[in-house]
Amino acid sequence: LWYVLLKEKNMLLTLEQESKRQQKPMPSPERLEK
């Protein structure tokens, strides 16, 4: 489960950085906190 969450975290961090680059809101940012 740790490595599954780690992959999910890396994916969400990539999505967050891409949203900042495009200056658009990140869809459901609460996923990263969970």
PDB file of all heavy atoms in Angstrom:
ATOM      1  N   LEU A   1       0.831  -1.209   0.000  1.00  0.00           N
ATOM      2  CA  LEU A   1       0.000   0.000   0.000  1.00  0.00           C
ATOM      3  C   LEU A   1       0.856   1.246   0.000  1.00  0.00           C
ATOM      4  O   LEU A   1       0.486   2.262  -0.603  1.00  0.00           O
ATOM      5  CB  LEU A   1      -0.928  -0.028   1.215  1.00  0.00           C
ATOM      6  CG  LEU A   1      -1.886   1.148   1.372  1.00  0.00           C
ATOM      7  CD1 LEU A   1      -2.802   1.264   0.164  1.00  0.00           C
ATOM      8  CD2 LEU A   1      -2.705   0.998   2.651  1.00  0.00           C
ATOM      9  N   TRP A   2       2.007   1.206   0.668  1.00  0.00           N
ATOM     10  CA  TRP A   2       2.898   2.369   0.703  1.00  0.00           C
ATOM     11  C   TRP A   2       3.352   2.741  -0.703  1.00  0.00           C
ATOM     12  O   TRP A   2       3.347   3.914  -1.079  1.00  0.00           O
ATOM     13  CB  TRP A   2       4.094   2.065   1.598  1.00  0.00           C
ATOM     14  CG  TRP A   2       5.139   3.136   1.580  1.00  0.00           C
ATOM     15  CD1 TRP A   2       6.215   3.239   0.751  1.00  0.00           C
ATOM     16  CD2 TRP A   2       5.193   4.294   2.437  1.00  0.00           C
ATOM     17  NE1 TRP A   2       6.946   4.356   1.028  1.00  0.00           N
ATOM     18  CE2 TRP A   2       6.351   5.035   2.053  1.00  0.00           C
ATOM     19  CE3 TRP A   2       4.395   4.760   3.476  1.00  0.00           C
ATOM     20  CZ2 TRP A   2       6.710   6.204   2.694  1.00  0.00           C
ATOM     21  CZ3 TRP A   2       4.767   5.941   4.114  1.00  0.00           C
ATOM     22  CH2 TRP A   2       5.907   6.649   3.719  1.00  0.00           C
ATOM     23  N   TYR A   3       3.737   1.747  -1.502  1.00  0.00           N
ATOM     24  CA  TYR A   3       4.220   2.051  -2.849  1.00  0.00           C
ATOM     25  C   TYR A   3       3.077   2.451  -3.785  1.00  0.00           C
ATOM     26  O   TYR A   3       3.276   3.239  -4.706  1.00  0.00           O
ATOM     27  CB  TYR A   3       4.990   0.855  -3.409  1.00  0.00           C
ATOM     28  CG  TYR A   3       6.406   0.803  -2.908  1.00  0.00           C
ATOM     29  CD1 TYR A   3       6.760  -0.006  -1.842  1.00  0.00           C
ATOM     30  CD2 TYR A   3       7.390   1.603  -3.478  1.00  0.00           C
ATOM     31  CE1 TYR A   3       8.062  -0.031  -1.362  1.00  0.00           C
ATOM     32  CE2 TYR A   3       8.688   1.583  -3.015  1.00  0.00           C
ATOM     33  CZ  TYR A   3       9.013   0.767  -1.956  1.00  0.00           C
ATOM     34  OH  TYR A   3      10.302   0.751  -1.479  1.00  0.00           O
ATOM     35  N   VAL A   4       1.887   1.934  -3.544  1.00  0.00           N
ATOM     36  CA  VAL A   4       0.736   2.387  -4.324  1.00  0.00           C
ATOM     37  C   VAL A   4       0.462   3.864  -4.039  1.00  0.00           C
ATOM     38  O   VAL A   4       0.228   4.675  -4.956  1.00  0.00           O
ATOM     39  CB  VAL A   4      -0.496   1.532  -4.008  1.00  0.00           C
ATOM     40  CG1 VAL A   4      -1.744   2.128  -4.635  1.00  0.00           C
ATOM     41  CG2 VAL A   4      -0.300   0.110  -4.521  1.00  0.00           C
ATOM     42  N   LEU A   5       0.511   4.245  -2.763  1.00  0.00           N
ATOM     43  CA  LEU A   5       0.296   5.649  -2.395  1.00  0.00           C
ATOM     44  C   LEU A   5       1.441   6.524  -2.896  1.00  0.00           C
ATOM     45  O   LEU A   5       1.220   7.688  -3.255  1.00  0.00           O
ATOM     46  CB  LEU A   5       0.152   5.769  -0.880  1.00  0.00           C
ATOM     47  CG  LEU A   5      -1.094   5.126  -0.273  1.00  0.00           C
ATOM     48  CD1 LEU A   5      -1.024   5.153   1.241  1.00  0.00           C
ATOM     49  CD2 LEU A   5      -2.357   5.835  -0.746  1.00  0.00           C
ATOM     50  N   LEU A   6       2.651   5.986  -2.905  1.00  0.00           N
ATOM     51  CA  LEU A   6       3.781   6.762  -3.403  1.00  0.00           C
ATOM     52  C   LEU A   6       3.626   7.082  -4.884  1.00  0.00           C
ATOM     53  O   LEU A   6       3.898   8.206  -5.337  1.00  0.00           O
ATOM     54  CB  LEU A   6       5.080   6.002  -3.144  1.00  0.00           C
ATOM     55  CG  LEU A   6       6.370   6.693  -3.578  1.00  0.00           C
ATOM     56  CD1 LEU A   6       6.554   8.008  -2.837  1.00  0.00           C
ATOM     57  CD2 LEU A   6       7.570   5.780  -3.340  1.00  0.00           C
ATOM     58  N   LYS A   7       3.185   6.104  -5.670  1.00  0.00           N
ATOM     59  CA  LYS A   7       2.936   6.354  -7.088  1.00  0.00           C
ATOM     60  C   LYS A   7       1.815   7.366  -7.277  1.00  0.00           C
ATOM     61  O   LYS A   7       1.892   8.247  -8.140  1.00  0.00           O
ATOM     62  CB  LYS A   7       2.589   5.039  -7.779  1.00  0.00           C
ATOM     63  CG  LYS A   7       3.763   4.065  -7.890  1.00  0.00           C
ATOM     64  CD  LYS A   7       3.325   2.709  -8.370  1.00  0.00           C
ATOM     65  CE  LYS A   7       2.757   2.767  -9.759  1.00  0.00           C
ATOM     66  NZ  LYS A   7       2.401   1.415 -10.278  1.00  0.00           N
ATOM     67  N   GLU A   8       0.774   7.249  -6.455  1.00  0.00           N
ATOM     68  CA  GLU A   8      -0.331   8.210  -6.544  1.00  0.00           C
ATOM     69  C   GLU A   8       0.136   9.608  -6.164  1.00  0.00           C
ATOM     70  O   GLU A   8      -0.264  10.608  -6.784  1.00  0.00           O
ATOM     71  CB  GLU A   8      -1.460   7.762  -5.613  1.00  0.00           C
ATOM     72  CG  GLU A   8      -2.725   8.596  -5.707  1.00  0.00           C
ATOM     73  CD  GLU A   8      -3.513   8.342  -6.975  1.00  0.00           C
ATOM     74  OE1 GLU A   8      -3.199   7.354  -7.681  1.00  0.00           O
ATOM     75  OE2 GLU A   8      -4.426   9.137  -7.265  1.00  0.00           O
ATOM     76  N   LYS A   9       0.994   9.700  -5.174  1.00  0.00           N
ATOM     77  CA  LYS A   9       1.512  11.008  -4.759  1.00  0.00           C
ATOM     78  C   LYS A   9       2.350  11.642  -5.863  1.00  0.00           C
ATOM     79  O   LYS A   9       2.226  12.846  -6.142  1.00  0.00           O
ATOM     80  CB  LYS A   9       2.342  10.845  -3.482  1.00  0.00           C
ATOM     81  CG  LYS A   9       2.959  12.132  -2.979  1.00  0.00           C
ATOM     82  CD  LYS A   9       3.807  11.877  -1.754  1.00  0.00           C
ATOM     83  CE  LYS A   9       4.484  13.161  -1.292  1.00  0.00           C
ATOM     84  NZ  LYS A   9       5.365  12.910  -0.110  1.00  0.00           N
ATOM     85  N   ASN A  10       3.208  10.852  -6.499  1.00  0.00           N
ATOM     86  CA  ASN A  10       4.019  11.387  -7.597  1.00  0.00           C
ATOM     87  C   ASN A  10       3.136  11.862  -8.753  1.00  0.00           C
ATOM     88  O   ASN A  10       3.405  12.904  -9.375  1.00  0.00           O
ATOM     89  CB  ASN A  10       4.992  10.322  -8.085  1.00  0.00           C
ATOM     90  CG  ASN A  10       6.070  10.010  -7.062  1.00  0.00           C
ATOM     91  OD1 ASN A  10       6.378  10.840  -6.216  1.00  0.00           O
ATOM     92  ND2 ASN A  10       6.626   8.816  -7.137  1.00  0.00           N
ATOM     93  N   MET A  11       2.090  11.112  -9.035  1.00  0.00           N
ATOM     94  CA  MET A  11       1.180  11.508 -10.106  1.00  0.00           C
ATOM     95  C   MET A  11       0.478  12.821  -9.756  1.00  0.00           C
ATOM     96  O   MET A  11       0.348  13.726 -10.598  1.00  0.00           O
ATOM     97  CB  MET A  11       0.154  10.401 -10.350  1.00  0.00           C
ATOM     98  CG  MET A  11      -0.800  10.655 -11.505  1.00  0.00           C
ATOM     99  SD  MET A  11      -2.296  11.564 -11.033  1.00  0.00           S
ATOM    100  CE  MET A  11      -3.084  10.360  -9.973  1.00  0.00           C
ATOM    101  N   LEU A  12       0.024  12.966  -8.509  1.00  0.00           N
ATOM    102  CA  LEU A  12      -0.682  14.182  -8.111  1.00  0.00           C
ATOM    103  C   LEU A  12       0.262  15.382  -8.064  1.00  0.00           C
ATOM    104  O   LEU A  12      -0.143  16.506  -8.398  1.00  0.00           O
ATOM    105  CB  LEU A  12      -1.338  13.970  -6.745  1.00  0.00           C
ATOM    106  CG  LEU A  12      -2.489  12.952  -6.723  1.00  0.00           C
ATOM    107  CD1 LEU A  12      -2.965  12.707  -5.307  1.00  0.00           C
ATOM    108  CD2 LEU A  12      -3.649  13.429  -7.588  1.00  0.00           C
ATOM    109  N   LEU A  13       1.505  15.171  -7.655  1.00  0.00           N
ATOM    110  CA  LEU A  13       2.465  16.275  -7.674  1.00  0.00           C
ATOM    111  C   LEU A  13       2.762  16.724  -9.099  1.00  0.00           C
ATOM    112  O   LEU A  13       2.921  17.923  -9.364  1.00  0.00           O
ATOM    113  CB  LEU A  13       3.758  15.843  -6.984  1.00  0.00           C
ATOM    114  CG  LEU A  13       3.683  15.656  -5.465  1.00  0.00           C
ATOM    115  CD1 LEU A  13       4.999  15.125  -4.936  1.00  0.00           C
ATOM    116  CD2 LEU A  13       3.326  16.961  -4.766  1.00  0.00           C
ATOM    117  N   THR A  14       2.828  15.770 -10.023  1.00  0.00           N
ATOM    118  CA  THR A  14       3.000  16.141 -11.436  1.00  0.00           C
ATOM    119  C   THR A  14       1.797  16.927 -11.940  1.00  0.00           C
ATOM    120  O   THR A  14       1.946  17.927 -12.660  1.00  0.00           O
ATOM    121  CB  THR A  14       3.187  14.869 -12.280  1.00  0.00           C
ATOM    122  OG1 THR A  14       4.286  14.123 -11.777  1.00  0.00           O
ATOM    123  CG2 THR A  14       3.440  15.229 -13.740  1.00  0.00           C
ATOM    124  N   LEU A  15       0.599  16.490 -11.561  1.00  0.00           N
ATOM    125  CA  LEU A  15      -0.613  17.195 -11.971  1.00  0.00           C
ATOM    126  C   LEU A  15      -0.667  18.585 -11.368  1.00  0.00           C
ATOM    127  O   LEU A  15      -1.079  19.555 -12.032  1.00  0.00           O
ATOM    128  CB  LEU A  15      -1.836  16.382 -11.535  1.00  0.00           C
ATOM    129  CG  LEU A  15      -3.203  16.948 -11.904  1.00  0.00           C
ATOM    130  CD1 LEU A  15      -3.357  17.072 -13.412  1.00  0.00           C
ATOM    131  CD2 LEU A  15      -4.312  16.062 -11.326  1.00  0.00           C
ATOM    132  N   GLU A  16      -0.224  18.724 -10.124  1.00  0.00           N
ATOM    133  CA  GLU A  16      -0.209  20.040  -9.487  1.00  0.00           C
ATOM    134  C   GLU A  16       0.763  20.981 -10.186  1.00  0.00           C
ATOM    135  O   GLU A  16       0.452  22.156 -10.432  1.00  0.00           O
ATOM    136  CB  GLU A  16       0.174  19.876  -8.014  1.00  0.00           C
ATOM    137  CG  GLU A  16       0.179  21.173  -7.231  1.00  0.00           C
ATOM    138  CD  GLU A  16       0.620  20.971  -5.797  1.00  0.00           C
ATOM    139  OE1 GLU A  16       1.305  19.972  -5.532  1.00  0.00           O
ATOM    140  OE2 GLU A  16       0.296  21.817  -4.956  1.00  0.00           O
ATOM    141  N   GLN A  17       1.933  20.495 -10.532  1.00  0.00           N
ATOM    142  CA  GLN A  17       2.919  21.335 -11.214  1.00  0.00           C
ATOM    143  C   GLN A  17       2.429  21.728 -12.610  1.00  0.00           C
ATOM    144  O   GLN A  17       2.630  22.868 -13.046  1.00  0.00           O
ATOM    145  CB  GLN A  17       4.255  20.592 -11.299  1.00  0.00           C
ATOM    146  CG  GLN A  17       5.393  21.414 -11.832  1.00  0.00           C
ATOM    147  CD  GLN A  17       5.749  22.563 -10.919  1.00  0.00           C
ATOM    148  OE1 GLN A  17       5.536  22.506  -9.716  1.00  0.00           O
ATOM    149  NE2 GLN A  17       6.289  23.626 -11.503  1.00  0.00           N
ATOM    150  N   GLU A  18       1.787  20.788 -13.298  1.00  0.00           N
ATOM    151  CA  GLU A  18       1.277  21.105 -14.631  1.00  0.00           C
ATOM    152  C   GLU A  18       0.142  22.133 -14.556  1.00  0.00           C
ATOM    153  O   GLU A  18       0.027  23.007 -15.423  1.00  0.00           O
ATOM    154  CB  GLU A  18       0.791  19.818 -15.309  1.00  0.00           C
ATOM    155  CG  GLU A  18       0.315  19.996 -16.731  1.00  0.00           C
ATOM    156  CD  GLU A  18       1.412  20.425 -17.679  1.00  0.00           C
ATOM    157  OE1 GLU A  18       2.598  20.263 -17.319  1.00  0.00           O
ATOM    158  OE2 GLU A  18       1.084  20.919 -18.772  1.00  0.00           O
ATOM    159  N   SER A  19      -0.691  22.042 -13.510  1.00  0.00           N
ATOM    160  CA  SER A  19      -1.762  23.029 -13.341  1.00  0.00           C
ATOM    161  C   SER A  19      -1.194  24.416 -13.073  1.00  0.00           C
ATOM    162  O   SER A  19      -1.716  25.419 -13.564  1.00  0.00           O
ATOM    163  CB  SER A  19      -2.678  22.604 -12.191  1.00  0.00           C
ATOM    164  OG  SER A  19      -3.250  21.336 -12.448  1.00  0.00           O
ATOM    165  N   LYS A  20      -0.113  24.494 -12.309  1.00  0.00           N
ATOM    166  CA  LYS A  20       0.522  25.789 -12.060  1.00  0.00           C
ATOM    167  C   LYS A  20       1.119  26.342 -13.347  1.00  0.00           C
ATOM    168  O   LYS A  20       1.057  27.553 -13.597  1.00  0.00           O
ATOM    169  CB  LYS A  20       1.614  25.637 -10.995  1.00  0.00           C
ATOM    170  CG  LYS A  20       1.083  25.349  -9.602  1.00  0.00           C
ATOM    171  CD  LYS A  20       2.223  25.225  -8.606  1.00  0.00           C
ATOM    172  CE  LYS A  20       1.704  24.941  -7.210  1.00  0.00           C
ATOM    173  NZ  LYS A  20       2.811  24.795  -6.223  1.00  0.00           N
ATOM    174  N   ARG A  21       1.701  25.453 -14.150  1.00  0.00           N
ATOM    175  CA  ARG A  21       2.308  25.924 -15.399  1.00  0.00           C
ATOM    176  C   ARG A  21       1.261  26.474 -16.351  1.00  0.00           C
ATOM    177  O   ARG A  21       1.483  27.494 -17.004  1.00  0.00           O
ATOM    178  CB  ARG A  21       3.074  24.773 -16.059  1.00  0.00           C
ATOM    179  CG  ARG A  21       3.923  25.193 -17.258  1.00  0.00           C
ATOM    180  CD  ARG A  21       4.600  23.998 -17.903  1.00  0.00           C
ATOM    181  NE  ARG A  21       3.623  23.130 -18.548  1.00  0.00           N
ATOM    182  CZ  ARG A  21       3.145  23.311 -19.787  1.00  0.00           C
ATOM    183  NH1 ARG A  21       3.562  24.352 -20.506  1.00  0.00           N
ATOM    184  NH2 ARG A  21       2.274  22.484 -20.312  1.00  0.00           N
ATOM    185  N   GLN A  22       0.110  25.819 -16.416  1.00  0.00           N
ATOM    186  CA  GLN A  22      -0.962  26.277 -17.295  1.00  0.00           C
ATOM    187  C   GLN A  22      -1.863  27.319 -16.638  1.00  0.00           C
ATOM    188  O   GLN A  22      -2.811  27.789 -17.272  1.00  0.00           O
ATOM    189  CB  GLN A  22      -1.811  25.087 -17.747  1.00  0.00           C
ATOM    190  CG  GLN A  22      -1.053  24.067 -18.575  1.00  0.00           C
ATOM    191  CD  GLN A  22      -1.933  22.949 -19.065  1.00  0.00           C
ATOM    192  OE1 GLN A  22      -3.150  22.969 -18.870  1.00  0.00           O
ATOM    193  NE2 GLN A  22      -1.349  21.959 -19.717  1.00  0.00           N
ATOM    194  N   GLN A  23      -1.580  27.636 -15.342  1.00  0.00           N
ATOM    195  CA  GLN A  23      -2.375  28.627 -14.603  1.00  0.00           C
ATOM    196  C   GLN A  23      -3.857  28.246 -14.584  1.00  0.00           C
ATOM    197  O   GLN A  23      -4.740  29.049 -14.859  1.00  0.00           O
ATOM    198  CB  GLN A  23      -2.180  30.025 -15.193  1.00  0.00           C
ATOM    199  CG  GLN A  23      -0.753  30.538 -15.099  1.00  0.00           C
ATOM    200  CD  GLN A  23      -0.595  31.935 -15.649  1.00  0.00           C
ATOM    201  OE1 GLN A  23      -1.543  32.524 -16.161  1.00  0.00           O
ATOM    202  NE2 GLN A  23       0.608  32.479 -15.547  1.00  0.00           N
ATOM    203  N   LYS A  24      -4.103  26.982 -14.248  1.00  0.00           N
ATOM    204  CA  LYS A  24      -5.456  26.466 -14.141  1.00  0.00           C
ATOM    205  C   LYS A  24      -5.619  25.776 -12.796  1.00  0.00           C
ATOM    206  O   LYS A  24      -4.641  25.292 -12.217  1.00  0.00           O
ATOM    207  CB  LYS A  24      -5.748  25.459 -15.266  1.00  0.00           C
ATOM    208  CG  LYS A  24      -5.781  26.083 -16.652  1.00  0.00           C
ATOM    209  CD  LYS A  24      -6.128  25.033 -17.701  1.00  0.00           C
ATOM    210  CE  LYS A  24      -6.178  25.644 -19.095  1.00  0.00           C
ATOM    211  NZ  LYS A  24      -6.521  24.616 -20.125  1.00  0.00           N
ATOM    212  N   PRO A  25      -6.830  25.741 -12.260  1.00  0.00           N
ATOM    213  CA  PRO A  25      -7.030  25.070 -10.968  1.00  0.00           C
ATOM    214  C   PRO A  25      -6.837  23.557 -11.090  1.00  0.00           C
ATOM    215  O   PRO A  25      -7.243  22.931 -12.066  1.00  0.00           O
ATOM    216  CB  PRO A  25      -8.474  25.424 -10.599  1.00  0.00           C
ATOM    217  CG  PRO A  25      -9.141  25.732 -11.903  1.00  0.00           C
ATOM    218  CD  PRO A  25      -8.080  26.346 -12.778  1.00  0.00           C
ATOM    219  N   MET A  26      -6.241  22.999 -10.078  1.00  0.00           N
ATOM    220  CA  MET A  26      -6.005  21.551 -10.054  1.00  0.00           C
ATOM    221  C   MET A  26      -7.313  20.833  -9.725  1.00  0.00           C
ATOM    222  O   MET A  26      -7.996  21.194  -8.770  1.00  0.00           O
ATOM    223  CB  MET A  26      -4.934  21.216  -9.013  1.00  0.00           C
ATOM    224  CG  MET A  26      -4.687  19.735  -8.835  1.00  0.00           C
ATOM    225  SD  MET A  26      -3.462  19.398  -7.552  1.00  0.00           S
ATOM    226  CE  MET A  26      -3.528  17.610  -7.490  1.00  0.00           C
ATOM    227  N   PRO A  27      -7.704  19.821 -10.489  1.00  0.00           N
ATOM    228  CA  PRO A  27      -8.941  19.101 -10.185  1.00  0.00           C
ATOM    229  C   PRO A  27      -8.820  18.284  -8.901  1.00  0.00           C
ATOM    230  O   PRO A  27      -7.919  17.455  -8.768  1.00  0.00           O
ATOM    231  CB  PRO A  27      -9.146  18.200 -11.412  1.00  0.00           C
ATOM    232  CG  PRO A  27      -7.797  18.057 -12.007  1.00  0.00           C
ATOM    233  CD  PRO A  27      -7.058  19.321 -11.706  1.00  0.00           C
ATOM    234  N   SER A  28      -9.725  18.555  -7.956  1.00  0.00           N
ATOM    235  CA  SER A  28      -9.777  17.837  -6.670  1.00  0.00           C
ATOM    236  C   SER A  28      -8.415  17.823  -5.979  1.00  0.00           C
ATOM    237  O   SER A  28      -7.777  16.773  -5.846  1.00  0.00           O
ATOM    238  CB  SER A  28     -10.278  16.411  -6.888  1.00  0.00           C
ATOM    239  OG  SER A  28     -11.573  16.404  -7.435  1.00  0.00           O
ATOM    240  N   PRO A  29      -7.930  18.990  -5.542  1.00  0.00           N
ATOM    241  CA  PRO A  29      -6.607  19.006  -4.887  1.00  0.00           C
ATOM    242  C   PRO A  29      -6.588  18.292  -3.537  1.00  0.00           C
ATOM    243  O   PRO A  29      -5.517  18.026  -3.009  1.00  0.00           O
ATOM    244  CB  PRO A  29      -6.334  20.507  -4.721  1.00  0.00           C
ATOM    245  CG  PRO A  29      -7.682  21.138  -4.684  1.00  0.00           C
ATOM    246  CD  PRO A  29      -8.552  20.323  -5.590  1.00  0.00           C
ATOM    247  N   GLU A  30      -7.782  17.998  -2.977  1.00  0.00           N
ATOM    248  CA  GLU A  30      -7.802  17.308  -1.688  1.00  0.00           C
ATOM    249  C   GLU A  30      -7.264  15.886  -1.785  1.00  0.00           C
ATOM    250  O   GLU A  30      -6.960  15.252  -0.763  1.00  0.00           O
ATOM    251  CB  GLU A  30      -9.222  17.277  -1.120  1.00  0.00           C
ATOM    252  CG  GLU A  30     -10.206  16.412  -1.884  1.00  0.00           C
ATOM    253  CD  GLU A  30     -10.826  17.123  -3.078  1.00  0.00           C
ATOM    254  OE1 GLU A  30     -10.457  18.287  -3.319  1.00  0.00           O
ATOM    255  OE2 GLU A  30     -11.690  16.519  -3.742  1.00  0.00           O
ATOM    256  N   ARG A  31      -7.131  15.351  -2.980  1.00  0.00           N
ATOM    257  CA  ARG A  31      -6.589  13.997  -3.136  1.00  0.00           C
ATOM    258  C   ARG A  31      -5.154  13.912  -2.624  1.00  0.00           C
ATOM    259  O   ARG A  31      -4.751  12.902  -2.031  1.00  0.00           O
ATOM    260  CB  ARG A  31      -6.650  13.573  -4.606  1.00  0.00           C
ATOM    261  CG  ARG A  31      -8.048  13.346  -5.139  1.00  0.00           C
ATOM    262  CD  ARG A  31      -7.995  12.841  -6.579  1.00  0.00           C
ATOM    263  NE  ARG A  31      -7.500  13.879  -7.484  1.00  0.00           N
ATOM    264  CZ  ARG A  31      -7.178  13.668  -8.747  1.00  0.00           C
ATOM    265  NH1 ARG A  31      -7.266  12.442  -9.263  1.00  0.00           N
ATOM    266  NH2 ARG A  31      -6.758  14.650  -9.515  1.00  0.00           N
ATOM    267  N   LEU A  32      -4.379  14.950  -2.860  1.00  0.00           N
ATOM    268  CA  LEU A  32      -2.989  14.951  -2.399  1.00  0.00           C
ATOM    269  C   LEU A  32      -2.927  14.943  -0.876  1.00  0.00           C
ATOM    270  O   LEU A  32      -2.090  14.241  -0.285  1.00  0.00           O
ATOM    271  CB  LEU A  32      -2.266  16.174  -2.968  1.00  0.00           C
ATOM    272  CG  LEU A  32      -0.772  16.300  -2.647  1.00  0.00           C
ATOM    273  CD1 LEU A  32      -0.020  15.076  -3.151  1.00  0.00           C
ATOM    274  CD2 LEU A  32      -0.206  17.563  -3.262  1.00  0.00           C
ATOM    275  N   GLU A  33      -3.804  15.688  -0.219  1.00  0.00           N
ATOM    276  CA  GLU A  33      -3.831  15.688   1.245  1.00  0.00           C
ATOM    277  C   GLU A  33      -4.227  14.320   1.791  1.00  0.00           C
ATOM    278  O   GLU A  33      -3.674  13.861   2.797  1.00  0.00           O
ATOM    279  CB  GLU A  33      -4.793  16.763   1.743  1.00  0.00           C
ATOM    280  CG  GLU A  33      -4.413  18.181   1.341  1.00  0.00           C
ATOM    281  CD  GLU A  33      -5.434  19.192   1.808  1.00  0.00           C
ATOM    282  OE1 GLU A  33      -6.426  18.775   2.457  1.00  0.00           O
ATOM    283  OE2 GLU A  33      -5.239  20.399   1.547  1.00  0.00           O
ATOM    284  N   LYS A  34      -5.170  13.651   1.131  1.00  0.00           N
ATOM    285  CA  LYS A  34      -5.572  12.321   1.582  1.00  0.00           C
ATOM    286  C   LYS A  34      -4.440  11.318   1.451  1.00  0.00           C
ATOM    287  O   LYS A  34      -4.224  10.484   2.340  1.00  0.00           O
ATOM    288  CB  LYS A  34      -6.792  11.854   0.778  1.00  0.00           C
ATOM    289  CG  LYS A  34      -8.055  12.664   1.007  1.00  0.00           C
ATOM    290  CD  LYS A  34      -9.184  12.167   0.133  1.00  0.00           C
ATOM    291  CE  LYS A  34     -10.445  13.007   0.315  1.00  0.00           C
ATOM    292  NZ  LYS A  34     -11.548  12.547  -0.570  1.00  0.00           N
TER     293      LYS A  34
END
